[in-house]
Each structure stands twice: as C-alpha cells, then as structure tokens.
Amino acid sequence: MATIRLKRGTKGANMFRKFKVFVNDSCVGKIKRGESLDISVPEGTYSVYCKIDWEQSNTLTVNVPATGVDLLVNSKGATESAFRSLIPFDGKDKYLVLVQQ
C-alpha cells in the first residue's frame, strides 16, 4: 500500500474547525489545524480535495507511487475569511488551497 500524507498548516482562519478530506469523491477523514493525516491507498492516480462548509479547495490529481505523496492544505487569512463571509460566491480564488509538496 502507498500513502497520501496530508498536512494542514497553521495559516488562516478556522483555527478550531476541521477540514473534510476527500479522495475520489469519498470522504476519508477530517484534519485539524497543524495535524497530519495518512491515507493508505493502492498505488495509482487519485483526485484529492478538502472541504469546509460550502467551500472546497482546488482538486489535485496525484499519482501516488509506492513511496507515497505529500500534500499541504491551508485556508486563506482572517481578513479574506471575514470578507468572504459577506460575499461567499464572489468568484475569486479558492478559500482552501491544496498543493503537492
């Protein structure tokens, strides 16, 4: 089995809330601020994204080799969080940002 290692940074708002983690559109767990989540999967290609409420991160398509893959998710800053609560569907960049390390 290979591993998708997802780390949630400490940047941004939602300090006390968890992000839901999805692999191939199935919720596989939740992650708190500053935590890591290891997801065991067979080697292959997967789509990965995170959600909180109605906000979703970008979707990453990752090829997971036997050695695994490392991902990082963060939310945007507190100022933008406050603005987006007033205008949540403004068409700007995603509130949650998921990147491969």
PDB file of N, CA and C in Angstrom:
ATOM      1  N   MET A   1       0.835  -1.189   0.000  1.00  0.00           N
ATOM      2  CA  MET A   1       0.000   0.000   0.000  1.00  0.00           C
ATOM      3  C   MET A   1       0.876   1.248   0.000  1.00  0.00           C
ATOM      4  N   ALA A   2       0.418   2.253  -0.683  1.00  0.00           N
ATOM      5  CA  ALA A   2       1.079   3.560  -0.712  1.00  0.00           C
ATOM      6  C   ALA A   2       0.327   4.493   0.239  1.00  0.00           C
ATOM      7  N   THR A   3       0.883   5.688   0.458  1.00  0.00           N
ATOM      8  CA  THR A   3       0.271   6.615   1.409  1.00  0.00           C
ATOM      9  C   THR A   3       0.159   8.013   0.824  1.00  0.00           C
ATOM     10  N   ILE A   4      -1.016   8.609   0.984  1.00  0.00           N
ATOM     11  CA  ILE A   4      -1.198  10.037   0.735  1.00  0.00           C
ATOM     12  C   ILE A   4      -1.060  10.700   2.100  1.00  0.00           C
ATOM     13  N   ARG A   5      -0.013  11.502   2.282  1.00  0.00           N
ATOM     14  CA  ARG A   5       0.222  12.197   3.548  1.00  0.00           C
ATOM     15  C   ARG A   5      -0.235  13.637   3.394  1.00  0.00           C
ATOM     16  N   LEU A   6      -1.280  13.997   4.111  1.00  0.00           N
ATOM     17  CA  LEU A   6      -1.836  15.344   4.032  1.00  0.00           C
ATOM     18  C   LEU A   6      -1.533  16.078   5.320  1.00  0.00           C
ATOM     19  N   LYS A   7      -0.930  17.251   5.202  1.00  0.00           N
ATOM     20  CA  LYS A   7      -0.642  18.085   6.366  1.00  0.00           C
ATOM     21  C   LYS A   7      -1.461  19.356   6.239  1.00  0.00           C
ATOM     22  N   ARG A   8      -2.054  19.772   7.357  1.00  0.00           N
ATOM     23  CA  ARG A   8      -2.776  21.041   7.379  1.00  0.00           C
ATOM     24  C   ARG A   8      -1.901  22.050   8.092  1.00  0.00           C
ATOM     25  N   GLY A   9      -1.641  23.140   7.421  1.00  0.00           N
ATOM     26  CA  GLY A   9      -0.808  24.187   8.000  1.00  0.00           C
ATOM     27  C   GLY A   9      -1.520  24.923   9.121  1.00  0.00           C
ATOM     28  N   THR A  10      -0.826  25.896   9.691  1.00  0.00           N
ATOM     29  CA  THR A  10      -1.381  26.680  10.793  1.00  0.00           C
ATOM     30  C   THR A  10      -1.829  28.055  10.331  1.00  0.00           C
ATOM     31  N   LYS A  11      -1.700  28.327   9.041  1.00  0.00           N
ATOM     32  CA  LYS A  11      -2.086  29.616   8.472  1.00  0.00           C
ATOM     33  C   LYS A  11      -3.602  29.698   8.299  1.00  0.00           C
ATOM     34  N   GLY A  12      -4.122  30.910   8.387  1.00  0.00           N
ATOM     35  CA  GLY A  12      -5.511  31.144   8.039  1.00  0.00           C
ATOM     36  C   GLY A  12      -6.479  31.074   9.199  1.00  0.00           C
ATOM     37  N   ALA A  13      -7.736  31.203   8.861  1.00  0.00           N
ATOM     38  CA  ALA A  13      -8.814  31.209   9.849  1.00  0.00           C
ATOM     39  C   ALA A  13      -9.242  29.772  10.154  1.00  0.00           C
ATOM     40  N   ASN A  14     -10.346  29.635  10.859  1.00  0.00           N
ATOM     41  CA  ASN A  14     -10.914  28.327  11.201  1.00  0.00           C
ATOM     42  C   ASN A  14      -9.996  27.491  12.081  1.00  0.00           C
ATOM     43  N   MET A  15      -9.413  28.149  13.075  1.00  0.00           N
ATOM     44  CA  MET A  15      -8.458  27.508  13.969  1.00  0.00           C
ATOM     45  C   MET A  15      -9.033  26.257  14.639  1.00  0.00           C
ATOM     46  N   PHE A  16     -10.285  26.304  15.042  1.00  0.00           N
ATOM     47  CA  PHE A  16     -10.858  25.218  15.827  1.00  0.00           C
ATOM     48  C   PHE A  16     -11.742  24.278  15.014  1.00  0.00           C
ATOM     49  N   ARG A  17     -11.742  24.441  13.700  1.00  0.00           N
ATOM     50  CA  ARG A  17     -12.602  23.622  12.851  1.00  0.00           C
ATOM     51  C   ARG A  17     -11.782  22.645  12.030  1.00  0.00           C
ATOM     52  N   LYS A  18     -12.416  21.536  11.681  1.00  0.00           N
ATOM     53  CA  LYS A  18     -11.760  20.506  10.885  1.00  0.00           C
ATOM     54  C   LYS A  18     -12.151  20.644   9.418  1.00  0.00           C
ATOM     55  N   PHE A  19     -11.214  20.284   8.535  1.00  0.00           N
ATOM     56  CA  PHE A  19     -11.497  20.193   7.105  1.00  0.00           C
ATOM     57  C   PHE A  19     -11.823  18.731   6.798  1.00  0.00           C
ATOM     58  N   LYS A  20     -12.828  18.485   5.973  1.00  0.00           N
ATOM     59  CA  LYS A  20     -13.102  17.138   5.486  1.00  0.00           C
ATOM     60  C   LYS A  20     -12.167  16.861   4.317  1.00  0.00           C
ATOM     61  N   VAL A  21     -11.644  15.637   4.251  1.00  0.00           N
ATOM     62  CA  VAL A  21     -10.708  15.236   3.201  1.00  0.00           C
ATOM     63  C   VAL A  21     -11.399  14.212   2.302  1.00  0.00           C
ATOM     64  N   PHE A  22     -11.345  14.469   0.992  1.00  0.00           N
ATOM     65  CA  PHE A  22     -11.985  13.593   0.014  1.00  0.00           C
ATOM     66  C   PHE A  22     -10.947  13.019  -0.942  1.00  0.00           C
ATOM     67  N   VAL A  23     -11.035  11.718  -1.176  1.00  0.00           N
ATOM     68  CA  VAL A  23     -10.216  11.041  -2.180  1.00  0.00           C
ATOM     69  C   VAL A  23     -11.186  10.354  -3.129  1.00  0.00           C
ATOM     70  N   ASN A  24     -11.081  10.684  -4.404  1.00  0.00           N
ATOM     71  CA  ASN A  24     -12.005  10.161  -5.427  1.00  0.00           C
ATOM     72  C   ASN A  24     -13.467  10.339  -4.996  1.00  0.00           C
ATOM     73  N   ASP A  25     -13.778  11.538  -4.491  1.00  0.00           N
ATOM     74  CA  ASP A  25     -15.132  11.938  -4.095  1.00  0.00           C
ATOM     75  C   ASP A  25     -15.695  11.191  -2.885  1.00  0.00           C
ATOM     76  N   SER A  26     -14.858  10.456  -2.152  1.00  0.00           N
ATOM     77  CA  SER A  26     -15.295   9.799  -0.916  1.00  0.00           C
ATOM     78  C   SER A  26     -14.600  10.455   0.265  1.00  0.00           C
ATOM     79  N   CYS A  27     -15.367  10.806   1.303  1.00  0.00           N
ATOM     80  CA  CYS A  27     -14.779  11.416   2.499  1.00  0.00           C
ATOM     81  C   CYS A  27     -13.983  10.343   3.246  1.00  0.00           C
ATOM     82  N   VAL A  28     -12.684  10.596   3.438  1.00  0.00           N
ATOM     83  CA  VAL A  28     -11.807   9.606   4.069  1.00  0.00           C
ATOM     84  C   VAL A  28     -11.334  10.043   5.450  1.00  0.00           C
ATOM     85  N   GLY A  29     -11.721  11.229   5.886  1.00  0.00           N
ATOM     86  CA  GLY A  29     -11.320  11.675   7.213  1.00  0.00           C
ATOM     87  C   GLY A  29     -11.455  13.173   7.362  1.00  0.00           C
ATOM     88  N   LYS A  30     -11.047  13.636   8.548  1.00  0.00           N
ATOM     89  CA  LYS A  30     -11.051  15.065   8.857  1.00  0.00           C
ATOM     90  C   LYS A  30      -9.688  15.423   9.425  1.00  0.00           C
ATOM     91  N   ILE A  31      -9.302  16.692   9.233  1.00  0.00           N
ATOM     92  CA  ILE A  31      -7.983  17.123   9.681  1.00  0.00           C
ATOM     93  C   ILE A  31      -8.086  18.462  10.404  1.00  0.00           C
ATOM     94  N   LYS A  32      -7.447  18.535  11.587  1.00  0.00           N
ATOM     95  CA  LYS A  32      -7.420  19.760  12.386  1.00  0.00           C
ATOM     96  C   LYS A  32      -6.205  20.595  12.013  1.00  0.00           C
ATOM     97  N   ARG A  33      -6.219  21.839  12.446  1.00  0.00           N
ATOM     98  CA  ARG A  33      -5.111  22.761  12.221  1.00  0.00           C
ATOM     99  C   ARG A  33      -3.823  22.189  12.826  1.00  0.00           C
ATOM    100  N   GLY A  34      -2.752  22.159  12.027  1.00  0.00           N
ATOM    101  CA  GLY A  34      -1.449  21.672  12.471  1.00  0.00           C
ATOM    102  C   GLY A  34      -1.303  20.160  12.480  1.00  0.00           C
ATOM    103  N   GLU A  35      -2.333  19.415  12.111  1.00  0.00           N
ATOM    104  CA  GLU A  35      -2.282  17.956  12.117  1.00  0.00           C
ATOM    105  C   GLU A  35      -1.872  17.399  10.758  1.00  0.00           C
ATOM    106  N   SER A  36      -1.575  16.105  10.771  1.00  0.00           N
ATOM    107  CA  SER A  36      -1.314  15.351   9.549  1.00  0.00           C
ATOM    108  C   SER A  36      -2.273  14.177   9.494  1.00  0.00           C
ATOM    109  N   LEU A  37      -2.585  13.753   8.290  1.00  0.00           N
ATOM    110  CA  LEU A  37      -3.469  12.610   8.084  1.00  0.00           C
ATOM    111  C   LEU A  37      -2.825  11.711   7.038  1.00  0.00           C
ATOM    112  N   ASP A  38      -2.626  10.437   7.378  1.00  0.00           N
ATOM    113  CA  ASP A  38      -2.091   9.454   6.442  1.00  0.00           C
ATOM    114  C   ASP A  38      -3.238   8.607   5.911  1.00  0.00           C
ATOM    115  N   ILE A  39      -3.328   8.529   4.589  1.00  0.00           N
ATOM    116  CA  ILE A  39      -4.392   7.772   3.938  1.00  0.00           C
ATOM    117  C   ILE A  39      -3.731   6.664   3.123  1.00  0.00           C
ATOM    118  N   SER A  40      -3.988   5.414   3.489  1.00  0.00           N
ATOM    119  CA  SER A  40      -3.406   4.273   2.779  1.00  0.00           C
ATOM    120  C   SER A  40      -4.239   3.960   1.545  1.00  0.00           C
ATOM    121  N   VAL A  41      -3.563   3.905   0.406  1.00  0.00           N
ATOM    122  CA  VAL A  41      -4.221   3.626  -0.873  1.00  0.00           C
ATOM    123  C   VAL A  41      -3.307   2.736  -1.711  1.00  0.00           C
ATOM    124  N   PRO A  42      -3.865   1.952  -2.622  1.00  0.00           N
ATOM    125  CA  PRO A  42      -3.010   1.253  -3.578  1.00  0.00           C
ATOM    126  C   PRO A  42      -2.328   2.278  -4.495  1.00  0.00           C
ATOM    127  N   GLU A  43      -1.191   1.914  -5.047  1.00  0.00           N
ATOM    128  CA  GLU A  43      -0.524   2.814  -6.000  1.00  0.00           C
ATOM    129  C   GLU A  43      -1.499   3.144  -7.121  1.00  0.00           C
ATOM    130  N   GLY A  44      -1.433   4.393  -7.595  1.00  0.00           N
ATOM    131  CA  GLY A  44      -2.327   4.785  -8.675  1.00  0.00           C
ATOM    132  C   GLY A  44      -2.569   6.274  -8.696  1.00  0.00           C
ATOM    133  N   THR A  45      -3.546   6.691  -9.479  1.00  0.00           N
ATOM    134  CA  THR A  45      -3.881   8.104  -9.636  1.00  0.00           C
ATOM    135  C   THR A  45      -5.191   8.391  -8.905  1.00  0.00           C
ATOM    136  N   TYR A  46      -5.183   9.491  -8.142  1.00  0.00           N
ATOM    137  CA  TYR A  46      -6.331   9.851  -7.313  1.00  0.00           C
ATOM    138  C   TYR A  46      -6.619  11.335  -7.423  1.00  0.00           C
ATOM    139  N   SER A  47      -7.897  11.696  -7.250  1.00  0.00           N
ATOM    140  CA  SER A  47      -8.256  13.111  -7.127  1.00  0.00           C
ATOM    141  C   SER A  47      -8.488  13.377  -5.641  1.00  0.00           C
ATOM    142  N   VAL A  48      -7.891  14.473  -5.143  1.00  0.00           N
ATOM    143  CA  VAL A  48      -7.934  14.801  -3.718  1.00  0.00           C
ATOM    144  C   VAL A  48      -8.386  16.250  -3.564  1.00  0.00           C
ATOM    145  N   TYR A  49      -9.291  16.494  -2.625  1.00  0.00           N
ATOM    146  CA  TYR A  49      -9.681  17.861  -2.280  1.00  0.00           C
ATOM    147  C   TYR A  49     -10.159  17.891  -0.838  1.00  0.00           C
ATOM    148  N   CYS A  50     -10.277  19.094  -0.291  1.00  0.00           N
ATOM    149  CA  CYS A  50     -10.763  19.301   1.077  1.00  0.00           C
ATOM    150  C   CYS A  50     -11.960  20.237   1.044  1.00  0.00           C
ATOM    151  N   LYS A  51     -12.812  20.131   2.092  1.00  0.00           N
ATOM    152  CA  LYS A  51     -13.996  20.989   2.178  1.00  0.00           C
ATOM    153  C   LYS A  51     -14.193  21.463   3.609  1.00  0.00           C
ATOM    154  N   ILE A  52     -14.754  22.655   3.726  1.00  0.00           N
ATOM    155  CA  ILE A  52     -15.297  23.150   4.983  1.00  0.00           C
ATOM    156  C   ILE A  52     -16.558  23.922   4.612  1.00  0.00           C
ATOM    157  N   ASP A  53     -17.670  23.531   5.202  1.00  0.00           N
ATOM    158  CA  ASP A  53     -18.966  24.113   4.861  1.00  0.00           C
ATOM    159  C   ASP A  53     -19.168  24.033   3.347  1.00  0.00           C
ATOM    160  N   TRP A  54     -19.476  25.140   2.697  1.00  0.00           N
ATOM    161  CA  TRP A  54     -19.717  25.144   1.244  1.00  0.00           C
ATOM    162  C   TRP A  54     -18.441  25.408   0.450  1.00  0.00           C
ATOM    163  N   GLU A  55     -17.347  25.676   1.146  1.00  0.00           N
ATOM    164  CA  GLU A  55     -16.086  25.981   0.460  1.00  0.00           C
ATOM    165  C   GLU A  55     -15.302  24.704   0.171  1.00  0.00           C
ATOM    166  N   GLN A  56     -14.754  24.627  -1.024  1.00  0.00           N
ATOM    167  CA  GLN A  56     -13.951  23.475  -1.425  1.00  0.00           C
ATOM    168  C   GLN A  56     -12.615  23.962  -1.952  1.00  0.00           C
ATOM    169  N   SER A  57     -11.575  23.204  -1.665  1.00  0.00           N
ATOM    170  CA  SER A  57     -10.255  23.530  -2.215  1.00  0.00           C
ATOM    171  C   SER A  57     -10.226  23.196  -3.700  1.00  0.00           C
ATOM    172  N   ASN A  58      -9.130  23.545  -4.318  1.00  0.00           N
ATOM    173  CA  ASN A  58      -8.868  23.058  -5.665  1.00  0.00           C
ATOM    174  C   ASN A  58      -8.737  21.535  -5.589  1.00  0.00           C
ATOM    175  N   THR A  59      -9.009  20.862  -6.690  1.00  0.00           N
ATOM    176  CA  THR A  59      -8.855  19.407  -6.749  1.00  0.00           C
ATOM    177  C   THR A  59      -7.499  19.095  -7.363  1.00  0.00           C
ATOM    178  N   LEU A  60      -6.719  18.279  -6.649  1.00  0.00           N
ATOM    179  CA  LEU A  60      -5.422  17.844  -7.165  1.00  0.00           C
ATOM    180  C   LEU A  60      -5.561  16.422  -7.687  1.00  0.00           C
ATOM    181  N   THR A  61      -5.036  16.184  -8.869  1.00  0.00           N
ATOM    182  CA  THR A  61      -4.918  14.825  -9.375  1.00  0.00           C
ATOM    183  C   THR A  61      -3.481  14.407  -9.111  1.00  0.00           C
ATOM    184  N   VAL A  62      -3.320  13.393  -8.258  1.00  0.00           N
ATOM    185  CA  VAL A  62      -1.973  12.990  -7.851  1.00  0.00           C
ATOM    186  C   VAL A  62      -1.721  11.542  -8.224  1.00  0.00           C
ATOM    187  N   ASN A  63      -0.517  11.290  -8.728  1.00  0.00           N
ATOM    188  CA  ASN A  63      -0.062   9.938  -8.984  1.00  0.00           C
ATOM    189  C   ASN A  63       0.665   9.489  -7.725  1.00  0.00           C
ATOM    190  N   VAL A  64       0.168   8.452  -7.068  1.00  0.00           N
ATOM    191  CA  VAL A  64       0.730   8.002  -5.797  1.00  0.00           C
ATOM    192  C   VAL A  64       1.610   6.777  -6.042  1.00  0.00           C
ATOM    193  N   PRO A  65       2.952   6.953  -5.952  1.00  0.00           N
ATOM    194  CA  PRO A  65       3.861   5.825  -6.102  1.00  0.00           C
ATOM    195  C   PRO A  65       3.958   5.044  -4.785  1.00  0.00           C
ATOM    196  N   ALA A  66       4.712   3.954  -4.781  1.00  0.00           N
ATOM    197  CA  ALA A  66       4.875   3.135  -3.571  1.00  0.00           C
ATOM    198  C   ALA A  66       5.451   3.946  -2.415  1.00  0.00           C
ATOM    199  N   THR A  67       6.259   4.950  -2.733  1.00  0.00           N
ATOM    200  CA  THR A  67       6.876   5.780  -1.687  1.00  0.00           C
ATOM    201  C   THR A  67       5.909   6.796  -1.108  1.00  0.00           C
ATOM    202  N   GLY A  68       4.740   6.961  -1.712  1.00  0.00           N
ATOM    203  CA  GLY A  68       3.733   7.890  -1.216  1.00  0.00           C
ATOM    204  C   GLY A  68       3.885   9.284  -1.785  1.00  0.00           C
ATOM    205  N   VAL A  69       2.994  10.175  -1.361  1.00  0.00           N
ATOM    206  CA  VAL A  69       2.987  11.554  -1.838  1.00  0.00           C
ATOM    207  C   VAL A  69       2.610  12.457  -0.667  1.00  0.00           C
ATOM    208  N   ASP A  70       3.191  13.669  -0.623  1.00  0.00           N
ATOM    209  CA  ASP A  70       2.934  14.637   0.442  1.00  0.00           C
ATOM    210  C   ASP A  70       2.129  15.807  -0.099  1.00  0.00           C
ATOM    211  N   LEU A  71       1.047  16.161   0.613  1.00  0.00           N
ATOM    212  CA  LEU A  71       0.193  17.285   0.246  1.00  0.00           C
ATOM    213  C   LEU A  71       0.066  18.230   1.432  1.00  0.00           C
ATOM    214  N   LEU A  72      -0.211  19.504   1.159  1.00  0.00           N
ATOM    215  CA  LEU A  72      -0.401  20.519   2.194  1.00  0.00           C
ATOM    216  C   LEU A  72      -1.670  21.295   1.887  1.00  0.00           C
ATOM    217  N   VAL A  73      -2.510  21.518   2.913  1.00  0.00           N
ATOM    218  CA  VAL A  73      -3.723  22.323   2.756  1.00  0.00           C
ATOM    219  C   VAL A  73      -3.701  23.456   3.772  1.00  0.00           C
ATOM    220  N   ASN A  74      -4.102  24.639   3.337  1.00  0.00           N
ATOM    221  CA  ASN A  74      -4.220  25.820   4.190  1.00  0.00           C
ATOM    222  C   ASN A  74      -5.473  26.576   3.797  1.00  0.00           C
ATOM    223  N   SER A  75      -5.966  27.375   4.726  1.00  0.00           N
ATOM    224  CA  SER A  75      -7.046  28.300   4.380  1.00  0.00           C
ATOM    225  C   SER A  75      -6.448  29.681   4.219  1.00  0.00           C
ATOM    226  N   LYS A  76      -7.207  30.559   3.602  1.00  0.00           N
ATOM    227  CA  LYS A  76      -6.737  31.934   3.421  1.00  0.00           C
ATOM    228  C   LYS A  76      -6.775  32.665   4.756  1.00  0.00           C
ATOM    229  N   GLY A  77      -6.249  33.872   4.801  1.00  0.00           N
ATOM    230  CA  GLY A  77      -6.142  34.642   6.033  1.00  0.00           C
ATOM    231  C   GLY A  77      -7.468  35.115   6.609  1.00  0.00           C
ATOM    232  N   ALA A  78      -7.418  35.620   7.842  1.00  0.00           N
ATOM    233  CA  ALA A  78      -8.615  36.039   8.575  1.00  0.00           C
ATOM    234  C   ALA A  78      -9.346  37.194   7.889  1.00  0.00           C
ATOM    235  N   THR A  79      -8.610  38.140   7.306  1.00  0.00           N
ATOM    236  CA  THR A  79      -9.253  39.278   6.640  1.00  0.00           C
ATOM    237  C   THR A  79     -10.084  38.800   5.458  1.00  0.00           C
ATOM    238  N   GLU A  80      -9.484  37.954   4.639  1.00  0.00           N
ATOM    239  CA  GLU A  80     -10.229  37.427   3.492  1.00  0.00           C
ATOM    240  C   GLU A  80     -11.387  36.553   3.959  1.00  0.00           C
ATOM    241  N   SER A  81     -11.204  35.822   5.060  1.00  0.00           N
ATOM    242  CA  SER A  81     -12.288  34.996   5.597  1.00  0.00           C
ATOM    243  C   SER A  81     -13.487  35.855   5.959  1.00  0.00           C
ATOM    244  N   ALA A  82     -13.240  36.982   6.614  1.00  0.00           N
ATOM    245  CA  ALA A  82     -14.330  37.883   7.003  1.00  0.00           C
ATOM    246  C   ALA A  82     -15.034  38.434   5.767  1.00  0.00           C
ATOM    247  N   PHE A  83     -14.269  38.833   4.757  1.00  0.00           N
ATOM    248  CA  PHE A  83     -14.851  39.360   3.523  1.00  0.00           C
ATOM    249  C   PHE A  83     -15.689  38.300   2.818  1.00  0.00           C
ATOM    250  N   ARG A  84     -15.148  37.085   2.746  1.00  0.00           N
ATOM    251  CA  ARG A  84     -15.855  36.013   2.040  1.00  0.00           C
ATOM    252  C   ARG A  84     -17.128  35.597   2.768  1.00  0.00           C
ATOM    253  N   SER A  85     -17.203  35.842   4.091  1.00  0.00           N
ATOM    254  CA  SER A  85     -18.448  35.529   4.794  1.00  0.00           C
ATOM    255  C   SER A  85     -19.563  36.481   4.364  1.00  0.00           C
ATOM    256  N   LEU A  86     -19.187  37.677   3.907  1.00  0.00           N
ATOM    257  CA  LEU A  86     -20.174  38.636   3.417  1.00  0.00           C
ATOM    258  C   LEU A  86     -20.546  38.369   1.965  1.00  0.00           C
ATOM    259  N   ILE A  87     -19.546  37.970   1.169  1.00  0.00           N
ATOM    260  CA  ILE A  87     -19.759  37.694  -0.253  1.00  0.00           C
ATOM    261  C   ILE A  87     -19.127  36.330  -0.556  1.00  0.00           C
ATOM    262  N   PRO A  88     -19.800  35.226  -0.195  1.00  0.00           N
ATOM    263  CA  PRO A  88     -19.179  33.913  -0.301  1.00  0.00           C
ATOM    264  C   PRO A  88     -19.003  33.397  -1.724  1.00  0.00           C
ATOM    265  N   PHE A  89     -19.753  33.914  -2.673  1.00  0.00           N
ATOM    266  CA  PHE A  89     -19.670  33.389  -4.038  1.00  0.00           C
ATOM    267  C   PHE A  89     -19.163  34.473  -4.982  1.00  0.00           C
ATOM    268  N   ASP A  90     -18.029  35.051  -4.635  1.00  0.00           N
ATOM    269  CA  ASP A  90     -17.510  36.183  -5.396  1.00  0.00           C
ATOM    270  C   ASP A  90     -16.694  35.773  -6.617  1.00  0.00           C
ATOM    271  N   GLY A  91     -16.482  34.469  -6.824  1.00  0.00           N
ATOM    272  CA  GLY A  91     -15.758  34.014  -7.997  1.00  0.00           C
ATOM    273  C   GLY A  91     -14.254  34.165  -7.906  1.00  0.00           C
ATOM    274  N   LYS A  92     -13.724  34.535  -6.741  1.00  0.00           N
ATOM    275  CA  LYS A  92     -12.276  34.672  -6.592  1.00  0.00           C
ATOM    276  C   LYS A  92     -11.648  33.306  -6.372  1.00  0.00           C
ATOM    277  N   ASP A  93     -10.345  33.306  -6.121  1.00  0.00           N
ATOM    278  CA  ASP A  93      -9.619  32.066  -5.879  1.00  0.00           C
ATOM    279  C   ASP A  93     -10.249  31.273  -4.745  1.00  0.00           C
ATOM    280  N   LYS A  94      -9.934  30.006  -4.702  1.00  0.00           N
ATOM    281  CA  LYS A  94     -10.465  29.115  -3.681  1.00  0.00           C
ATOM    282  C   LYS A  94     -10.061  29.578  -2.287  1.00  0.00           C
ATOM    283  N   TYR A  95     -10.955  29.369  -1.327  1.00  0.00           N
ATOM    284  CA  TYR A  95     -10.702  29.719   0.072  1.00  0.00           C
ATOM    285  C   TYR A  95      -9.697  28.754   0.695  1.00  0.00           C
ATOM    286  N   LEU A  96      -9.811  27.458   0.349  1.00  0.00           N
ATOM    287  CA  LEU A  96      -8.847  26.455   0.792  1.00  0.00           C
ATOM    288  C   LEU A  96      -7.891  26.187  -0.356  1.00  0.00           C
ATOM    289  N   VAL A  97      -6.613  26.082  -0.038  1.00  0.00           N
ATOM    290  CA  VAL A  97      -5.598  25.863  -1.069  1.00  0.00           C
ATOM    291  C   VAL A  97      -4.867  24.558  -0.778  1.00  0.00           C
ATOM    292  N   LEU A  98      -4.874  23.644  -1.747  1.00  0.00           N
ATOM    293  CA  LEU A  98      -4.236  22.338  -1.623  1.00  0.00           C
ATOM    294  C   LEU A  98      -3.087  22.271  -2.622  1.00  0.00           C
ATOM    295  N   VAL A  99      -1.890  21.922  -2.134  1.00  0.00           N
ATOM    296  CA  VAL A  99      -0.714  21.842  -3.008  1.00  0.00           C
ATOM    297  C   VAL A  99       0.050  20.550  -2.740  1.00  0.00           C
ATOM    298  N   GLN A 100       0.755  20.095  -3.770  1.00  0.00           N
ATOM    299  CA  GLN A 100       1.636  18.944  -3.605  1.00  0.00           C
ATOM    300  C   GLN A 100       3.007  19.458  -3.221  1.00  0.00           C
ATOM    301  N   GLN A 101       3.620  18.808  -2.235  1.00  0.00           N
ATOM    302  CA  GLN A 101       4.939  19.259  -1.770  1.00  0.00           C
ATOM    303  C   GLN A 101       6.046  18.521  -2.473  1.00  0.00           C
TER     304      GLN A 101
END
